[in-house]
N, C-alpha and C. Protein backbone atom coordinates (compact mmCIF):
# COMPACT_ATOMS: atom_id res chain seq x y z
N MET A 1 -75.40 34.34 17.92
CA MET A 1 -74.30 34.75 16.97
C MET A 1 -74.45 36.33 17.42
N ALA A 2 -73.31 36.92 17.93
CA ALA A 2 -73.13 38.63 18.18
C ALA A 2 -73.44 39.11 16.97
N GLN A 3 -74.29 40.27 17.07
CA GLN A 3 -74.49 40.74 15.97
C GLN A 3 -73.43 42.28 15.84
N SER A 4 -73.22 42.49 14.75
CA SER A 4 -71.99 43.35 14.41
C SER A 4 -72.91 44.70 14.49
N LYS A 5 -71.99 45.75 14.68
CA LYS A 5 -72.89 47.21 14.24
C LYS A 5 -72.55 47.43 13.06
N ASN A 6 -71.72 46.96 12.46
CA ASN A 6 -71.38 47.40 11.30
C ASN A 6 -71.90 46.63 9.74
N LYS A 7 -72.16 47.56 8.91
CA LYS A 7 -73.15 47.24 7.97
C LYS A 7 -72.34 45.93 7.22
N PRO A 8 -72.89 44.98 6.66
CA PRO A 8 -72.25 43.98 5.81
C PRO A 8 -71.94 44.55 4.53
N ARG A 9 -70.76 44.28 3.90
CA ARG A 9 -70.25 44.24 2.50
C ARG A 9 -70.15 43.05 1.94
N LEU A 10 -70.49 43.42 0.60
CA LEU A 10 -70.40 42.16 -0.60
C LEU A 10 -68.97 41.71 -0.92
N LYS A 11 -68.60 40.71 -0.34
CA LYS A 11 -67.21 39.98 -0.71
C LYS A 11 -67.37 39.16 -1.90
N ALA A 12 -66.26 39.25 -2.80
CA ALA A 12 -66.00 37.72 -3.36
C ALA A 12 -64.96 37.16 -3.08
N LEU A 13 -64.97 36.09 -2.48
CA LEU A 13 -63.99 35.32 -2.08
C LEU A 13 -63.60 33.78 -2.70
N GLN A 14 -62.71 33.50 -2.72
CA GLN A 14 -62.33 32.01 -3.47
C GLN A 14 -62.21 31.04 -1.71
N VAL A 15 -63.21 30.27 -1.74
CA VAL A 15 -63.38 29.43 -0.71
C VAL A 15 -63.25 28.03 -0.93
N ASP A 16 -62.52 27.16 -0.19
CA ASP A 16 -62.45 25.93 -0.32
C ASP A 16 -64.13 25.47 -0.12
N GLU A 17 -64.89 24.62 -1.20
CA GLU A 17 -65.92 24.54 -0.91
C GLU A 17 -66.12 23.35 0.09
N ALA A 18 -65.16 22.12 0.19
CA ALA A 18 -65.34 21.23 1.13
C ALA A 18 -65.30 21.59 2.59
N LYS A 19 -64.36 22.58 2.84
CA LYS A 19 -64.37 23.39 4.02
C LYS A 19 -65.66 24.11 4.45
N LEU A 20 -66.35 25.09 3.61
CA LEU A 20 -67.35 25.60 3.80
C LEU A 20 -68.28 24.77 4.29
N SER A 21 -68.28 23.68 3.44
CA SER A 21 -69.67 22.63 3.58
C SER A 21 -69.32 22.12 5.00
N ARG A 22 -68.37 21.91 5.59
CA ARG A 22 -68.13 21.15 6.43
C ARG A 22 -68.38 22.16 7.78
N VAL A 23 -68.27 23.49 7.74
CA VAL A 23 -68.50 24.69 8.74
C VAL A 23 -69.84 24.63 8.58
N GLN A 24 -70.47 24.77 7.50
CA GLN A 24 -72.09 24.52 7.39
C GLN A 24 -72.53 23.38 8.53
N LYS A 25 -72.33 22.40 8.26
CA LYS A 25 -72.63 20.94 8.98
C LYS A 25 -72.43 21.66 10.48
N LEU A 26 -71.08 21.71 10.54
CA LEU A 26 -70.81 22.19 12.13
C LEU A 26 -71.64 22.84 12.80
N TYR A 27 -71.77 23.80 11.86
CA TYR A 27 -72.79 25.07 12.85
C TYR A 27 -74.26 24.68 12.45
N GLY A 28 -74.68 23.83 11.65
CA GLY A 28 -75.99 23.40 11.29
C GLY A 28 -76.99 24.60 10.99
N VAL A 29 -76.09 25.32 10.04
CA VAL A 29 -76.69 26.64 9.02
C VAL A 29 -76.80 26.37 7.87
N SER A 30 -77.92 26.93 7.12
CA SER A 30 -78.24 26.55 5.91
C SER A 30 -77.57 27.48 4.96
N THR A 31 -76.97 28.80 5.36
CA THR A 31 -76.39 29.55 4.17
C THR A 31 -74.91 29.45 4.30
N GLU A 32 -74.06 29.84 3.30
CA GLU A 32 -72.76 29.72 3.31
C GLU A 32 -72.51 31.23 3.93
N ALA A 33 -73.00 32.25 3.83
CA ALA A 33 -73.11 33.43 4.25
C ALA A 33 -72.83 33.46 5.92
N GLU A 34 -73.96 32.67 6.63
CA GLU A 34 -73.91 32.16 7.96
C GLU A 34 -72.72 31.56 8.54
N ALA A 35 -72.41 30.82 7.62
CA ALA A 35 -71.19 29.75 8.28
C ALA A 35 -69.82 30.55 8.10
N VAL A 36 -69.92 31.76 7.24
CA VAL A 36 -68.45 32.21 7.22
C VAL A 36 -68.74 33.33 8.53
N GLU A 37 -69.54 33.65 8.70
CA GLU A 37 -69.97 34.85 10.20
C GLU A 37 -69.81 34.12 11.17
N ARG A 38 -70.36 32.68 11.37
CA ARG A 38 -70.17 31.99 12.48
C ARG A 38 -68.77 31.83 12.87
N ALA A 39 -68.07 31.43 11.81
CA ALA A 39 -66.58 31.01 11.78
C ALA A 39 -65.84 32.03 12.17
N LEU A 40 -66.11 33.46 11.49
CA LEU A 40 -65.57 34.46 12.02
C LEU A 40 -65.64 34.91 13.52
N ASP A 41 -66.95 34.81 14.09
CA ASP A 41 -67.36 34.88 15.32
C ASP A 41 -66.23 34.14 16.25
N GLU A 42 -66.20 32.88 15.80
CA GLU A 42 -65.51 31.69 16.79
C GLU A 42 -64.11 32.32 17.12
N VAL A 43 -63.59 32.72 15.71
CA VAL A 43 -61.97 32.77 15.70
C VAL A 43 -61.74 34.21 16.66
N LEU A 44 -62.63 35.24 16.50
CA LEU A 44 -62.51 36.79 17.39
C LEU A 44 -62.61 36.12 18.78
N THR A 45 -63.51 35.27 19.00
CA THR A 45 -63.76 34.89 20.59
C THR A 45 -62.62 34.24 21.09
N GLU A 46 -62.01 33.30 20.25
CA GLU A 46 -60.88 32.48 20.56
C GLU A 46 -59.71 33.41 20.62
N HIS A 47 -59.54 34.41 20.02
CA HIS A 47 -58.54 35.16 20.30
C HIS A 47 -58.48 35.88 21.46
N GLU A 48 -59.52 36.52 21.82
CA GLU A 48 -59.94 36.91 23.09
C GLU A 48 -59.84 36.26 24.39
N ARG A 49 -60.38 35.09 24.48
CA ARG A 49 -60.02 34.24 25.25
C ARG A 49 -58.42 33.75 25.33
N ASN A 50 -57.95 33.54 24.29
CA ASN A 50 -56.55 33.44 24.36
C ASN A 50 -55.60 34.44 24.78
N ARG A 51 -55.93 35.75 24.88
CA ARG A 51 -55.49 37.02 25.37
C ARG A 51 -55.58 37.35 26.78
N VAL A 52 -56.97 36.96 27.24
CA VAL A 52 -56.99 36.98 28.70
C VAL A 52 -56.29 35.84 29.23
N ALA A 53 -56.24 34.76 29.02
CA ALA A 53 -55.54 33.53 29.43
C ALA A 53 -53.66 33.91 29.49
N TRP A 54 -53.39 34.53 28.45
CA TRP A 54 -52.00 35.14 28.10
C TRP A 54 -51.74 36.08 29.52
N ARG A 55 -52.59 36.94 29.36
CA ARG A 55 -52.50 37.81 30.49
C ARG A 55 -52.58 37.42 31.94
N ALA A 56 -53.49 36.47 32.29
CA ALA A 56 -53.23 35.57 33.78
C ALA A 56 -52.07 35.13 33.80
N HIS A 57 -51.58 34.35 32.87
CA HIS A 57 -50.52 33.75 33.06
C HIS A 57 -49.10 34.69 33.12
N GLU A 58 -49.04 35.69 32.68
CA GLU A 58 -48.13 36.63 32.87
C GLU A 58 -48.22 37.31 34.20
N ARG A 59 -49.41 37.40 34.65
CA ARG A 59 -49.48 37.94 36.02
C ARG A 59 -48.99 36.85 37.06
N PHE A 60 -49.23 35.66 36.80
CA PHE A 60 -48.60 34.44 37.68
C PHE A 60 -47.58 34.50 37.57
N LEU A 61 -46.90 34.95 36.61
CA LEU A 61 -45.13 34.44 36.43
C LEU A 61 -44.89 35.85 37.46
N LYS A 62 -45.32 36.70 37.06
CA LYS A 62 -44.76 38.08 37.72
C LYS A 62 -45.07 38.14 39.19
N SER A 63 -46.08 37.15 39.64
CA SER A 63 -46.51 37.21 41.33
C SER A 63 -45.41 36.76 42.08
N GLY A 64 -44.79 35.83 41.30
CA GLY A 64 -43.52 34.85 42.15
C GLY A 64 -44.01 33.85 42.65
N SER A 65 -45.47 33.37 42.65
CA SER A 65 -45.81 32.39 43.34
C SER A 65 -45.08 31.01 42.36
N GLU A 66 -45.35 29.77 43.38
CA GLU A 66 -44.51 28.66 42.81
C GLU A 66 -45.65 27.38 42.75
N ILE A 67 -45.56 26.70 41.89
CA ILE A 67 -46.28 25.66 41.87
C ILE A 67 -45.72 24.38 42.38
N LYS A 68 -45.99 23.78 43.46
CA LYS A 68 -45.43 22.67 43.85
C LYS A 68 -46.00 21.10 43.86
N ASP A 69 -45.05 20.15 43.53
CA ASP A 69 -45.45 18.85 43.01
C ASP A 69 -45.87 18.20 44.53
N ILE A 70 -46.61 18.10 45.27
CA ILE A 70 -46.75 17.72 46.62
C ILE A 70 -46.79 15.93 46.17
N TYR A 71 -47.15 15.59 45.26
CA TYR A 71 -47.42 14.15 45.16
C TYR A 71 -46.04 13.72 44.77
N GLY A 72 -44.83 14.15 43.97
CA GLY A 72 -43.83 13.43 43.47
C GLY A 72 -44.05 12.99 42.18
N LEU A 73 -44.98 13.43 41.33
CA LEU A 73 -44.95 12.86 39.97
C LEU A 73 -44.16 13.15 38.97
N PHE A 74 -43.66 14.50 39.30
CA PHE A 74 -42.98 14.98 38.11
C PHE A 74 -41.42 15.28 38.52
N ASP A 75 -40.90 14.28 39.45
CA ASP A 75 -39.36 14.58 39.64
C ASP A 75 -38.59 13.62 38.58
């Protein structure tokens, strides 16, 4: 897990216990706080991956390149 430079703050949240339990099992962590931290890290990582992929997609579209179906599967 990536360590944040920010100091953790105490938060009071209403959380679905079943979801939290599933996240704890998924990540194999013992504390609820660690499960929440890991889930937040994953959301941020996925967002960054999507941003990078979208930028690559936009560059491809602007390049004018073309994908050809050389096998004729999508005619």
